[in-house]
N, C-alpha and C. Protein backbone atom coordinates (compact mmCIF):
# COMPACT_ATOMS: atom_id res chain seq x y z
N LEU A 1 -16.55 -9.88 -5.08
CA LEU A 1 -15.54 -10.42 -4.17
C LEU A 1 -15.99 -10.20 -2.73
N GLY A 2 -16.05 -11.28 -1.95
CA GLY A 2 -16.45 -11.19 -0.56
C GLY A 2 -15.48 -11.96 0.32
N LEU A 3 -15.74 -11.96 1.62
CA LEU A 3 -14.86 -12.62 2.57
C LEU A 3 -14.67 -14.09 2.22
N LEU A 4 -15.73 -14.75 1.79
CA LEU A 4 -15.64 -16.17 1.48
C LEU A 4 -14.73 -16.45 0.29
N SER A 5 -14.47 -15.42 -0.52
CA SER A 5 -13.60 -15.60 -1.68
C SER A 5 -12.16 -15.87 -1.29
N PHE A 6 -11.74 -15.35 -0.11
CA PHE A 6 -10.35 -15.55 0.29
C PHE A 6 -10.20 -16.13 1.69
N ALA A 7 -11.31 -16.51 2.32
CA ALA A 7 -11.24 -17.10 3.66
C ALA A 7 -10.59 -18.48 3.59
N ASP A 8 -9.53 -18.69 4.35
CA ASP A 8 -8.88 -19.99 4.41
C ASP A 8 -8.39 -20.26 5.84
N PRO A 9 -9.32 -20.37 6.79
CA PRO A 9 -8.93 -20.63 8.17
C PRO A 9 -8.48 -22.09 8.34
N PRO A 10 -7.76 -22.36 9.45
CA PRO A 10 -7.22 -21.39 10.40
C PRO A 10 -5.78 -21.04 10.04
N GLY A 11 -5.35 -19.85 10.44
CA GLY A 11 -3.96 -19.48 10.27
C GLY A 11 -3.19 -19.62 11.57
N ILE A 12 -1.90 -19.43 11.51
CA ILE A 12 -1.05 -19.42 12.70
C ILE A 12 -0.72 -17.96 13.01
N GLY A 13 -1.26 -17.47 14.12
CA GLY A 13 -1.08 -16.06 14.45
C GLY A 13 -2.07 -15.16 13.75
N GLY A 14 -3.09 -15.74 13.14
CA GLY A 14 -4.14 -14.98 12.47
C GLY A 14 -5.30 -15.88 12.15
N ALA A 15 -6.47 -15.30 11.96
CA ALA A 15 -7.66 -16.11 11.68
C ALA A 15 -7.56 -16.83 10.34
N LEU A 16 -6.90 -16.20 9.35
CA LEU A 16 -6.81 -16.76 8.00
C LEU A 16 -5.34 -16.97 7.63
N ARG A 17 -5.09 -17.99 6.80
CA ARG A 17 -3.71 -18.24 6.38
C ARG A 17 -3.23 -17.17 5.40
N GLY A 18 -4.09 -16.79 4.44
CA GLY A 18 -3.71 -15.79 3.45
C GLY A 18 -3.30 -16.37 2.11
N ASP A 19 -3.25 -17.70 1.99
CA ASP A 19 -2.87 -18.32 0.71
C ASP A 19 -3.86 -17.98 -0.39
N ARG A 20 -5.15 -18.00 -0.06
CA ARG A 20 -6.16 -17.72 -1.07
C ARG A 20 -6.12 -16.24 -1.49
N PHE A 21 -5.83 -15.36 -0.53
CA PHE A 21 -5.70 -13.94 -0.87
C PHE A 21 -4.56 -13.74 -1.85
N GLN A 22 -3.43 -14.39 -1.59
CA GLN A 22 -2.29 -14.30 -2.50
C GLN A 22 -2.66 -14.84 -3.88
N GLY A 23 -3.40 -15.93 -3.91
CA GLY A 23 -3.84 -16.48 -5.19
C GLY A 23 -4.72 -15.52 -5.97
N LEU A 24 -5.61 -14.82 -5.27
CA LEU A 24 -6.46 -13.82 -5.94
C LEU A 24 -5.63 -12.70 -6.53
N MET A 25 -4.60 -12.25 -5.79
CA MET A 25 -3.73 -11.20 -6.29
C MET A 25 -3.01 -11.64 -7.56
N LEU A 26 -2.52 -12.87 -7.55
CA LEU A 26 -1.80 -13.38 -8.71
C LEU A 26 -2.72 -13.57 -9.91
N ASP A 27 -3.95 -14.05 -9.66
CA ASP A 27 -4.91 -14.21 -10.76
C ASP A 27 -5.22 -12.86 -11.39
N TYR A 28 -5.40 -11.84 -10.55
CA TYR A 28 -5.67 -10.49 -11.08
C TYR A 28 -4.51 -10.00 -11.93
N LEU A 29 -3.29 -10.17 -11.42
CA LEU A 29 -2.11 -9.70 -12.16
C LEU A 29 -1.95 -10.44 -13.48
N ARG A 30 -2.23 -11.74 -13.48
CA ARG A 30 -2.11 -12.52 -14.72
C ARG A 30 -3.12 -12.05 -15.76
N ASN A 31 -4.29 -11.61 -15.30
CA ASN A 31 -5.31 -11.10 -16.23
C ASN A 31 -4.94 -9.74 -16.78
N GLU A 32 -4.09 -9.01 -16.05
CA GLU A 32 -3.74 -7.65 -16.45
C GLU A 32 -2.47 -7.57 -17.30
N THR A 33 -1.64 -8.61 -17.23
CA THR A 33 -0.38 -8.56 -17.96
C THR A 33 0.05 -9.95 -18.39
N SER A 34 0.81 -10.00 -19.45
CA SER A 34 1.37 -11.26 -19.92
C SER A 34 2.85 -11.35 -19.55
N GLY A 35 3.35 -10.35 -18.83
CA GLY A 35 4.75 -10.30 -18.48
C GLY A 35 5.03 -10.92 -17.13
N SER A 36 6.20 -10.61 -16.61
CA SER A 36 6.65 -11.15 -15.33
C SER A 36 5.80 -10.62 -14.18
N LEU A 37 5.64 -11.45 -13.15
CA LEU A 37 4.91 -11.04 -11.95
C LEU A 37 5.86 -10.83 -10.78
N ARG A 38 7.08 -10.44 -11.10
CA ARG A 38 8.08 -10.16 -10.07
C ARG A 38 8.27 -8.66 -9.92
N ILE A 39 8.51 -8.23 -8.69
CA ILE A 39 8.63 -6.81 -8.39
C ILE A 39 9.71 -6.15 -9.24
N GLU A 40 10.85 -6.79 -9.36
CA GLU A 40 11.98 -6.18 -10.06
C GLU A 40 11.74 -6.03 -11.56
N ASP A 41 10.69 -6.69 -12.09
CA ASP A 41 10.39 -6.59 -13.52
C ASP A 41 9.21 -5.66 -13.80
N ALA A 42 8.73 -4.94 -12.80
CA ALA A 42 7.57 -4.07 -12.98
C ALA A 42 7.88 -2.98 -14.02
N VAL A 43 6.88 -2.63 -14.81
CA VAL A 43 7.04 -1.58 -15.82
C VAL A 43 7.33 -0.24 -15.16
N VAL A 44 6.61 0.05 -14.09
CA VAL A 44 6.87 1.23 -13.27
C VAL A 44 7.67 0.78 -12.05
N PRO A 45 8.80 1.42 -11.73
CA PRO A 45 9.60 0.99 -10.57
C PRO A 45 8.74 0.87 -9.32
N LEU A 46 8.92 -0.23 -8.60
CA LEU A 46 8.02 -0.58 -7.50
C LEU A 46 8.83 -1.00 -6.27
N ALA A 47 8.40 -0.53 -5.13
CA ALA A 47 8.93 -0.99 -3.84
C ALA A 47 7.76 -1.10 -2.88
N VAL A 48 7.70 -2.19 -2.12
CA VAL A 48 6.59 -2.48 -1.22
C VAL A 48 7.14 -2.60 0.20
N THR A 49 6.41 -2.06 1.17
CA THR A 49 6.88 -2.14 2.55
C THR A 49 6.08 -3.14 3.36
N GLY A 50 6.79 -3.85 4.22
CA GLY A 50 6.19 -4.71 5.22
C GLY A 50 6.85 -4.42 6.56
N PHE A 51 6.35 -5.05 7.62
CA PHE A 51 6.97 -4.92 8.94
C PHE A 51 7.48 -6.29 9.35
N ASP A 52 8.79 -6.37 9.60
CA ASP A 52 9.45 -7.64 9.88
C ASP A 52 9.40 -7.94 11.39
N LEU A 53 8.67 -8.99 11.76
CA LEU A 53 8.53 -9.35 13.17
C LEU A 53 9.81 -9.93 13.75
N ARG A 54 10.66 -10.51 12.90
CA ARG A 54 11.90 -11.08 13.42
C ARG A 54 12.90 -9.99 13.81
N ASN A 55 12.90 -8.90 13.06
CA ASN A 55 13.84 -7.82 13.33
C ASN A 55 13.18 -6.60 13.97
N MET A 56 11.83 -6.64 14.05
CA MET A 56 11.05 -5.56 14.65
C MET A 56 11.33 -4.22 14.01
N ARG A 57 11.32 -4.19 12.68
CA ARG A 57 11.47 -2.94 11.95
C ARG A 57 10.87 -3.11 10.56
N GLY A 58 10.65 -1.97 9.89
CA GLY A 58 10.11 -2.02 8.55
C GLY A 58 11.10 -2.64 7.57
N LYS A 59 10.57 -3.23 6.52
CA LYS A 59 11.40 -3.83 5.48
C LYS A 59 10.85 -3.44 4.12
N VAL A 60 11.73 -3.01 3.22
CA VAL A 60 11.35 -2.65 1.86
C VAL A 60 11.60 -3.85 0.94
N LEU A 61 10.56 -4.25 0.21
CA LEU A 61 10.66 -5.37 -0.72
C LEU A 61 10.88 -4.82 -2.12
N LYS A 62 12.03 -5.18 -2.71
CA LYS A 62 12.39 -4.66 -4.04
C LYS A 62 12.49 -5.76 -5.08
N SER A 63 12.34 -7.00 -4.67
CA SER A 63 12.36 -8.12 -5.60
C SER A 63 11.52 -9.24 -5.02
N GLY A 64 11.09 -10.15 -5.90
CA GLY A 64 10.26 -11.26 -5.45
C GLY A 64 8.87 -11.21 -6.05
N CYS A 65 8.04 -12.13 -5.59
CA CYS A 65 6.68 -12.30 -6.13
C CYS A 65 5.78 -11.13 -5.76
N MET A 66 5.17 -10.50 -6.78
CA MET A 66 4.27 -9.37 -6.53
C MET A 66 3.07 -9.79 -5.67
N GLY A 67 2.50 -10.95 -5.94
CA GLY A 67 1.34 -11.40 -5.19
C GLY A 67 1.65 -11.62 -3.72
N ARG A 68 2.81 -12.22 -3.46
CA ARG A 68 3.20 -12.45 -2.07
C ARG A 68 3.56 -11.14 -1.37
N ALA A 69 4.16 -10.22 -2.11
CA ALA A 69 4.47 -8.91 -1.53
C ALA A 69 3.19 -8.16 -1.17
N ALA A 70 2.17 -8.22 -2.04
CA ALA A 70 0.90 -7.57 -1.74
C ALA A 70 0.26 -8.21 -0.51
N ARG A 71 0.36 -9.53 -0.42
CA ARG A 71 -0.16 -10.24 0.74
C ARG A 71 0.54 -9.80 2.01
N ALA A 72 1.87 -9.69 1.96
CA ALA A 72 2.63 -9.31 3.15
C ALA A 72 2.31 -7.88 3.57
N SER A 73 2.28 -6.96 2.60
CA SER A 73 2.08 -5.55 2.91
C SER A 73 0.69 -5.29 3.48
N ALA A 74 -0.29 -6.13 3.10
CA ALA A 74 -1.67 -5.96 3.56
C ALA A 74 -2.04 -6.94 4.66
N CYS A 75 -1.04 -7.55 5.30
CA CYS A 75 -1.29 -8.59 6.30
C CYS A 75 -1.74 -7.96 7.61
N PHE A 76 -3.03 -7.74 7.73
CA PHE A 76 -3.58 -7.09 8.92
C PHE A 76 -3.39 -8.00 10.13
N PRO A 77 -2.74 -7.50 11.20
CA PRO A 77 -2.48 -8.35 12.37
C PRO A 77 -3.75 -8.92 12.98
N GLY A 78 -3.72 -10.21 13.22
CA GLY A 78 -4.87 -10.88 13.81
C GLY A 78 -5.83 -11.46 12.79
N LEU A 79 -5.90 -10.85 11.61
CA LEU A 79 -6.77 -11.38 10.56
C LEU A 79 -6.02 -12.39 9.70
N PHE A 80 -4.81 -12.01 9.25
CA PHE A 80 -4.01 -12.90 8.41
C PHE A 80 -2.78 -13.41 9.16
N GLN A 81 -2.41 -14.62 8.84
CA GLN A 81 -1.17 -15.21 9.33
C GLN A 81 0.03 -14.42 8.78
N PRO A 82 1.03 -14.12 9.61
CA PRO A 82 2.24 -13.44 9.10
C PRO A 82 2.86 -14.21 7.94
N VAL A 83 3.53 -13.48 7.07
CA VAL A 83 4.02 -14.03 5.80
C VAL A 83 5.53 -14.23 5.86
N GLY A 84 5.97 -15.46 5.62
CA GLY A 84 7.40 -15.73 5.52
C GLY A 84 7.96 -15.18 4.22
N TRP A 85 9.15 -14.58 4.31
CA TRP A 85 9.74 -13.95 3.13
C TRP A 85 11.24 -14.21 3.07
N HIS A 86 11.70 -14.54 1.89
CA HIS A 86 13.13 -14.69 1.61
C HIS A 86 13.47 -13.73 0.47
N ASP A 87 14.56 -12.98 0.60
CA ASP A 87 14.87 -11.95 -0.38
C ASP A 87 15.17 -12.50 -1.77
N ASP A 88 15.57 -13.76 -1.86
CA ASP A 88 15.92 -14.32 -3.17
C ASP A 88 14.70 -14.69 -3.99
N ASP A 89 13.68 -15.30 -3.33
CA ASP A 89 12.54 -15.77 -4.11
C ASP A 89 11.19 -15.42 -3.52
N GLY A 90 11.17 -14.78 -2.35
CA GLY A 90 9.91 -14.38 -1.75
C GLY A 90 9.12 -15.49 -1.13
N GLU A 91 9.65 -16.71 -1.12
CA GLU A 91 8.86 -17.85 -0.66
C GLU A 91 9.35 -18.46 0.65
N GLY A 92 10.27 -17.80 1.35
CA GLY A 92 10.76 -18.36 2.60
C GLY A 92 12.06 -19.11 2.39
N SER A 93 12.53 -19.88 3.37
CA SER A 93 13.79 -20.58 3.27
C SER A 93 13.63 -22.00 3.76
N ASN A 94 14.72 -22.76 3.75
CA ASN A 94 14.67 -24.16 4.16
C ASN A 94 14.85 -24.33 5.66
N GLY A 95 15.11 -23.26 6.40
CA GLY A 95 15.28 -23.35 7.83
C GLY A 95 13.96 -23.51 8.55
N ILE A 96 14.04 -23.58 9.89
CA ILE A 96 12.81 -23.72 10.68
C ILE A 96 11.95 -22.47 10.50
N LEU A 97 12.58 -21.31 10.49
CA LEU A 97 11.87 -20.06 10.27
C LEU A 97 12.46 -19.34 9.07
N PRO A 98 11.63 -18.68 8.28
CA PRO A 98 12.17 -17.86 7.18
C PRO A 98 12.94 -16.68 7.74
N PRO A 99 13.84 -16.10 6.96
CA PRO A 99 14.64 -14.98 7.47
C PRO A 99 13.82 -13.75 7.83
N HIS A 100 12.66 -13.60 7.22
CA HIS A 100 11.79 -12.46 7.51
C HIS A 100 10.36 -12.95 7.68
N ILE A 101 9.68 -12.44 8.68
CA ILE A 101 8.27 -12.75 8.93
C ILE A 101 7.53 -11.42 8.91
N LEU A 102 6.69 -11.22 7.89
CA LEU A 102 6.16 -9.89 7.60
C LEU A 102 4.67 -9.77 7.91
N ILE A 103 4.30 -8.57 8.37
CA ILE A 103 2.90 -8.18 8.51
C ILE A 103 2.75 -6.78 7.90
N ASP A 104 1.58 -6.20 8.08
CA ASP A 104 1.18 -4.93 7.49
C ASP A 104 2.29 -3.87 7.54
N GLY A 105 2.71 -3.38 6.36
CA GLY A 105 3.78 -2.39 6.30
C GLY A 105 3.43 -1.06 6.91
N GLY A 106 2.12 -0.78 7.08
CA GLY A 106 1.71 0.49 7.64
C GLY A 106 2.10 0.68 9.10
N ILE A 107 2.52 -0.39 9.77
CA ILE A 107 2.92 -0.27 11.17
C ILE A 107 4.12 0.67 11.31
N ALA A 108 5.10 0.52 10.44
CA ALA A 108 6.29 1.39 10.50
C ALA A 108 6.29 2.44 9.40
N ASP A 109 5.39 2.32 8.44
CA ASP A 109 5.36 3.22 7.28
C ASP A 109 3.93 3.66 7.02
N PRO A 110 3.34 4.45 7.93
CA PRO A 110 1.91 4.76 7.84
C PRO A 110 1.50 5.51 6.58
N HIS A 111 2.40 6.28 5.99
CA HIS A 111 2.07 7.03 4.78
C HIS A 111 2.52 6.31 3.51
N GLY A 112 3.14 5.15 3.64
CA GLY A 112 3.55 4.39 2.47
C GLY A 112 4.63 5.06 1.65
N LEU A 113 5.57 5.75 2.30
CA LEU A 113 6.57 6.54 1.58
C LEU A 113 7.99 5.98 1.67
N VAL A 114 8.24 5.05 2.59
CA VAL A 114 9.60 4.60 2.82
C VAL A 114 10.19 3.94 1.57
N GLY A 115 9.36 3.23 0.80
CA GLY A 115 9.86 2.57 -0.39
C GLY A 115 10.46 3.52 -1.41
N LEU A 116 10.04 4.79 -1.38
CA LEU A 116 10.59 5.77 -2.33
C LEU A 116 12.08 6.00 -2.12
N SER A 117 12.56 5.74 -0.92
CA SER A 117 13.99 5.93 -0.66
C SER A 117 14.83 4.91 -1.41
N GLU A 118 14.19 3.80 -1.83
CA GLU A 118 14.91 2.74 -2.56
C GLU A 118 14.77 2.89 -4.07
N LEU A 119 13.92 3.80 -4.52
CA LEU A 119 13.66 3.95 -5.95
C LEU A 119 14.37 5.20 -6.48
N ILE A 120 15.08 5.05 -7.57
CA ILE A 120 15.82 6.15 -8.21
C ILE A 120 16.60 6.93 -7.14
N PRO A 121 17.54 6.27 -6.48
CA PRO A 121 18.29 6.95 -5.42
C PRO A 121 19.15 8.08 -5.97
N ASN A 122 19.49 9.00 -5.08
CA ASN A 122 20.40 10.12 -5.40
C ASN A 122 19.82 11.09 -6.42
N ARG A 123 18.50 11.09 -6.57
CA ARG A 123 17.85 12.07 -7.44
C ARG A 123 16.69 12.70 -6.67
N THR A 124 16.50 14.01 -6.87
CA THR A 124 15.37 14.66 -6.23
C THR A 124 14.08 14.22 -6.90
N LYS A 125 12.99 14.22 -6.12
CA LYS A 125 11.72 13.69 -6.60
C LYS A 125 10.59 14.66 -6.31
N ARG A 126 9.55 14.57 -7.11
CA ARG A 126 8.27 15.22 -6.82
C ARG A 126 7.33 14.10 -6.39
N VAL A 127 6.93 14.13 -5.14
CA VAL A 127 6.17 13.04 -4.54
C VAL A 127 4.69 13.40 -4.51
N VAL A 128 3.85 12.49 -4.97
CA VAL A 128 2.40 12.60 -4.83
C VAL A 128 1.98 11.58 -3.76
N ASN A 129 1.52 12.07 -2.63
CA ASN A 129 1.15 11.23 -1.49
C ASN A 129 -0.37 11.19 -1.40
N LEU A 130 -0.95 10.06 -1.81
CA LEU A 130 -2.40 9.90 -1.91
C LEU A 130 -2.90 8.98 -0.81
N VAL A 131 -3.90 9.44 -0.06
CA VAL A 131 -4.52 8.59 0.96
C VAL A 131 -6.03 8.62 0.79
N VAL A 132 -6.67 7.54 1.20
CA VAL A 132 -8.13 7.49 1.27
C VAL A 132 -8.51 7.75 2.72
N GLY A 133 -9.26 8.81 2.95
CA GLY A 133 -9.55 9.26 4.30
C GLY A 133 -8.65 10.43 4.66
N SER A 134 -8.39 10.60 5.93
CA SER A 134 -7.54 11.70 6.40
C SER A 134 -6.14 11.20 6.67
N PHE A 135 -5.17 12.11 6.61
CA PHE A 135 -3.82 11.75 7.03
C PHE A 135 -3.84 11.45 8.52
N GLY A 136 -3.21 10.36 8.91
CA GLY A 136 -3.32 9.85 10.27
C GLY A 136 -2.61 10.69 11.30
N GLY A 137 -2.93 10.38 12.55
CA GLY A 137 -2.24 11.02 13.67
C GLY A 137 -2.79 12.37 14.07
N GLY A 138 -3.78 12.88 13.35
CA GLY A 138 -4.35 14.18 13.69
C GLY A 138 -3.44 15.34 13.38
N SER A 139 -2.34 15.11 12.66
CA SER A 139 -1.41 16.18 12.33
C SER A 139 -1.51 16.52 10.86
N ALA A 140 -0.78 17.55 10.45
CA ALA A 140 -0.78 17.97 9.05
C ALA A 140 -0.10 16.91 8.19
N PRO A 141 -0.45 16.83 6.91
CA PRO A 141 0.23 15.89 6.01
C PRO A 141 1.72 16.19 5.95
N PRO A 142 2.55 15.18 5.75
CA PRO A 142 4.00 15.40 5.73
C PRO A 142 4.45 16.19 4.51
N GLY A 143 5.32 17.14 4.72
CA GLY A 143 5.90 17.92 3.64
C GLY A 143 7.27 17.39 3.25
N PRO A 144 8.00 18.10 2.39
CA PRO A 144 9.32 17.62 1.94
C PRO A 144 10.30 17.31 3.07
N SER A 145 10.31 18.14 4.11
CA SER A 145 11.26 17.90 5.20
C SER A 145 10.86 16.73 6.09
N ASP A 146 9.62 16.23 5.93
CA ASP A 146 9.15 15.12 6.74
C ASP A 146 9.32 13.77 6.05
N MET A 147 9.85 13.78 4.83
CA MET A 147 9.99 12.54 4.09
C MET A 147 11.02 11.62 4.76
N PRO A 148 10.85 10.29 4.61
CA PRO A 148 11.85 9.37 5.18
C PRO A 148 13.23 9.62 4.60
N PRO A 149 14.28 9.28 5.32
CA PRO A 149 15.65 9.47 4.81
C PRO A 149 15.84 8.81 3.46
N GLY A 150 16.48 9.54 2.55
CA GLY A 150 16.79 8.99 1.24
C GLY A 150 15.77 9.28 0.16
N VAL A 151 14.61 9.84 0.53
CA VAL A 151 13.58 10.12 -0.48
C VAL A 151 13.99 11.31 -1.35
N ASN A 152 14.63 12.32 -0.77
CA ASN A 152 15.12 13.47 -1.53
C ASN A 152 13.99 14.17 -2.29
N ALA A 153 12.95 14.57 -1.58
CA ALA A 153 11.79 15.20 -2.21
C ALA A 153 11.97 16.70 -2.33
N ALA A 154 11.88 17.22 -3.55
CA ALA A 154 11.90 18.66 -3.77
C ALA A 154 10.52 19.24 -3.54
N GLU A 155 9.48 18.49 -3.92
CA GLU A 155 8.09 18.93 -3.75
C GLU A 155 7.26 17.72 -3.32
N VAL A 156 6.21 18.01 -2.54
CA VAL A 156 5.26 16.97 -2.12
C VAL A 156 3.85 17.50 -2.34
N VAL A 157 3.03 16.70 -3.02
CA VAL A 157 1.61 16.99 -3.19
C VAL A 157 0.84 15.98 -2.34
N SER A 158 0.09 16.48 -1.36
CA SER A 158 -0.68 15.62 -0.46
C SER A 158 -2.15 15.64 -0.88
N LEU A 159 -2.66 14.49 -1.30
CA LEU A 159 -4.05 14.37 -1.73
C LEU A 159 -4.78 13.43 -0.78
N SER A 160 -5.90 13.87 -0.24
CA SER A 160 -6.73 12.98 0.58
C SER A 160 -8.13 12.90 -0.04
N ILE A 161 -8.62 11.68 -0.19
CA ILE A 161 -9.96 11.43 -0.75
C ILE A 161 -10.85 10.99 0.40
N ARG A 162 -11.83 11.80 0.70
CA ARG A 162 -12.70 11.55 1.85
C ARG A 162 -14.13 11.27 1.40
N GLY A 163 -14.88 10.63 2.27
CA GLY A 163 -16.29 10.40 2.00
C GLY A 163 -16.59 9.19 1.16
N THR A 164 -15.62 8.29 0.95
CA THR A 164 -15.91 7.05 0.22
C THR A 164 -16.53 6.04 1.18
N PRO A 165 -17.30 5.07 0.66
CA PRO A 165 -17.86 4.02 1.53
C PRO A 165 -16.75 3.25 2.23
N GLN A 166 -17.00 2.88 3.47
CA GLN A 166 -16.02 2.12 4.24
C GLN A 166 -15.90 0.70 3.68
N CYS A 167 -14.66 0.25 3.53
CA CYS A 167 -14.40 -1.10 3.01
C CYS A 167 -13.68 -1.90 4.09
N GLY A 168 -13.71 -3.20 3.94
CA GLY A 168 -13.03 -4.11 4.87
C GLY A 168 -13.46 -5.52 4.60
N PRO A 169 -12.93 -6.47 5.36
CA PRO A 169 -13.27 -7.88 5.11
C PRO A 169 -14.76 -8.18 5.15
N TRP A 170 -15.50 -7.40 5.94
CA TRP A 170 -16.94 -7.64 6.05
C TRP A 170 -17.75 -6.61 5.26
N ALA A 171 -17.10 -5.82 4.45
CA ALA A 171 -17.79 -4.84 3.61
C ALA A 171 -17.12 -4.78 2.25
N MET A 172 -16.79 -5.94 1.69
CA MET A 172 -16.09 -6.00 0.42
C MET A 172 -16.92 -5.43 -0.73
N LYS A 173 -18.25 -5.51 -0.58
CA LYS A 173 -19.13 -5.02 -1.64
C LYS A 173 -18.97 -3.52 -1.87
N ASN A 174 -18.44 -2.82 -0.87
CA ASN A 174 -18.23 -1.39 -1.02
C ASN A 174 -16.99 -1.04 -1.83
N GLY A 175 -16.13 -2.01 -2.08
CA GLY A 175 -14.89 -1.75 -2.80
C GLY A 175 -15.10 -1.11 -4.16
N PRO A 176 -15.92 -1.71 -5.06
CA PRO A 176 -16.14 -1.09 -6.37
C PRO A 176 -16.78 0.29 -6.28
N ARG A 177 -17.70 0.49 -5.32
CA ARG A 177 -18.35 1.79 -5.16
C ARG A 177 -17.34 2.84 -4.70
N ALA A 178 -16.48 2.46 -3.76
CA ALA A 178 -15.46 3.39 -3.28
C ALA A 178 -14.47 3.75 -4.37
N THR A 179 -14.07 2.75 -5.16
CA THR A 179 -13.12 2.99 -6.25
C THR A 179 -13.71 3.93 -7.29
N GLU A 180 -14.97 3.70 -7.67
CA GLU A 180 -15.61 4.55 -8.67
C GLU A 180 -15.80 5.97 -8.15
N ALA A 181 -16.19 6.11 -6.87
CA ALA A 181 -16.36 7.44 -6.30
C ALA A 181 -15.03 8.19 -6.27
N ALA A 182 -13.96 7.51 -5.88
CA ALA A 182 -12.65 8.15 -5.83
C ALA A 182 -12.18 8.57 -7.22
N ARG A 183 -12.36 7.68 -8.19
CA ARG A 183 -11.93 7.98 -9.57
C ARG A 183 -12.68 9.19 -10.12
N THR A 184 -13.99 9.23 -9.93
CA THR A 184 -14.80 10.33 -10.44
C THR A 184 -14.47 11.64 -9.73
N ALA A 185 -14.27 11.56 -8.41
CA ALA A 185 -13.96 12.76 -7.64
C ALA A 185 -12.63 13.37 -8.05
N VAL A 186 -11.62 12.54 -8.24
CA VAL A 186 -10.30 13.05 -8.64
C VAL A 186 -10.39 13.69 -10.03
N ALA A 187 -11.11 13.05 -10.95
CA ALA A 187 -11.26 13.61 -12.29
C ALA A 187 -11.96 14.97 -12.26
N ALA A 188 -12.88 15.13 -11.30
CA ALA A 188 -13.66 16.37 -11.24
C ALA A 188 -12.87 17.55 -10.69
N VAL A 189 -11.77 17.29 -10.00
CA VAL A 189 -11.03 18.39 -9.37
C VAL A 189 -9.65 18.61 -10.00
N LEU A 190 -9.40 18.03 -11.15
CA LEU A 190 -8.07 18.13 -11.75
C LEU A 190 -7.66 19.58 -12.02
N ASP A 191 -8.63 20.45 -12.28
CA ASP A 191 -8.31 21.85 -12.58
C ASP A 191 -8.43 22.77 -11.37
N MET A 192 -8.70 22.20 -10.20
CA MET A 192 -8.83 23.04 -9.00
C MET A 192 -7.46 23.43 -8.47
N PRO A 193 -7.30 24.66 -7.97
CA PRO A 193 -6.02 25.05 -7.36
C PRO A 193 -5.80 24.31 -6.05
N MET A 194 -4.54 24.03 -5.76
CA MET A 194 -4.18 23.39 -4.51
C MET A 194 -3.86 24.44 -3.46
N HIS A 195 -3.87 24.02 -2.21
CA HIS A 195 -3.55 24.92 -1.11
C HIS A 195 -2.08 24.75 -0.73
N ARG A 196 -1.48 25.84 -0.30
CA ARG A 196 -0.10 25.74 0.18
C ARG A 196 -0.08 24.93 1.47
N GLY A 197 0.87 24.04 1.57
CA GLY A 197 0.96 23.15 2.72
C GLY A 197 1.77 23.73 3.86
N THR A 198 2.48 22.88 4.56
CA THR A 198 3.16 23.26 5.78
C THR A 198 4.48 23.98 5.54
N GLU A 199 5.00 23.92 4.31
CA GLU A 199 6.31 24.52 4.03
C GLU A 199 6.45 24.75 2.54
N GLU A 200 7.53 25.40 2.16
CA GLU A 200 7.81 25.64 0.75
C GLU A 200 7.93 24.30 0.02
N GLY A 201 7.27 24.22 -1.15
CA GLY A 201 7.31 22.98 -1.92
C GLY A 201 6.29 21.95 -1.49
N HIS A 202 5.35 22.34 -0.62
CA HIS A 202 4.31 21.41 -0.16
C HIS A 202 2.94 21.95 -0.53
N TYR A 203 2.11 21.09 -1.14
CA TYR A 203 0.79 21.48 -1.61
C TYR A 203 -0.22 20.43 -1.16
N GLU A 204 -1.43 20.90 -0.86
CA GLU A 204 -2.47 19.99 -0.36
C GLU A 204 -3.75 20.17 -1.15
N LEU A 205 -4.47 19.05 -1.31
CA LEU A 205 -5.81 19.08 -1.89
C LEU A 205 -6.62 17.99 -1.22
N HIS A 206 -7.73 18.38 -0.60
CA HIS A 206 -8.60 17.44 0.11
C HIS A 206 -9.91 17.33 -0.68
N ILE A 207 -10.25 16.13 -1.08
CA ILE A 207 -11.34 15.90 -2.02
C ILE A 207 -12.49 15.19 -1.32
N ASP A 208 -13.69 15.73 -1.44
CA ASP A 208 -14.90 15.09 -0.89
C ASP A 208 -15.53 14.25 -1.99
N ALA A 209 -15.46 12.94 -1.84
CA ALA A 209 -15.99 12.03 -2.84
C ALA A 209 -17.40 11.57 -2.54
N SER A 210 -17.99 12.04 -1.45
CA SER A 210 -19.30 11.52 -1.02
C SER A 210 -20.39 11.75 -2.07
N VAL A 211 -20.30 12.87 -2.80
CA VAL A 211 -21.37 13.16 -3.77
C VAL A 211 -21.22 12.31 -5.03
N PHE A 212 -20.12 11.57 -5.15
CA PHE A 212 -19.89 10.76 -6.34
C PHE A 212 -20.09 9.27 -6.09
N VAL A 213 -20.54 8.91 -4.88
CA VAL A 213 -20.73 7.50 -4.57
C VAL A 213 -21.92 6.95 -5.34
N PRO A 214 -21.75 5.91 -6.18
CA PRO A 214 -22.88 5.38 -6.92
C PRO A 214 -23.86 4.64 -6.00
N GLU A 215 -25.10 4.62 -6.42
CA GLU A 215 -26.13 3.93 -5.61
C GLU A 215 -25.93 2.43 -5.67
């Protein structure tokens, strides 16, 4: 998979429209399952975050097309055209503008945790927060008291996987190598003790995957 696999210029507000990217996501999902490709029908409860340009705040997607939700959540500003979204069907509306215009959810939800507030509400949770690279902002990983409102986390395990090959639109070939290095590194440290984090109920483990990168 390379840039040419999903390049579909020109977009409005981005270099690429993103239609081909969405199609790739749907093709992958169809190959993996014979069931529904809607968020609300996922076997494991799922919530996806985007950033709504019309309302200038984060938005949690709990229903609609999985492929379009993945496209919206990964809509890097400037690279992909913003994604129109309608809560009923995920495909926009009949008006001049769709009710929601979404881009990369990481703008308002950098750790990808806000969606947990919409899943299994009113119950305490044990959260596993996994990132590739370091936790952003130069600060410590978020503990239970740092969770978004409504998450109700009793414990948080913060895992960071470092040293994987850099991936991106112009380095797609590194994707399989990074995935394999991360998978092997995590398997190798399953029995390692974790470090106490920033507060009670918070644990950290930082994994160096560089030695597991395949040639």
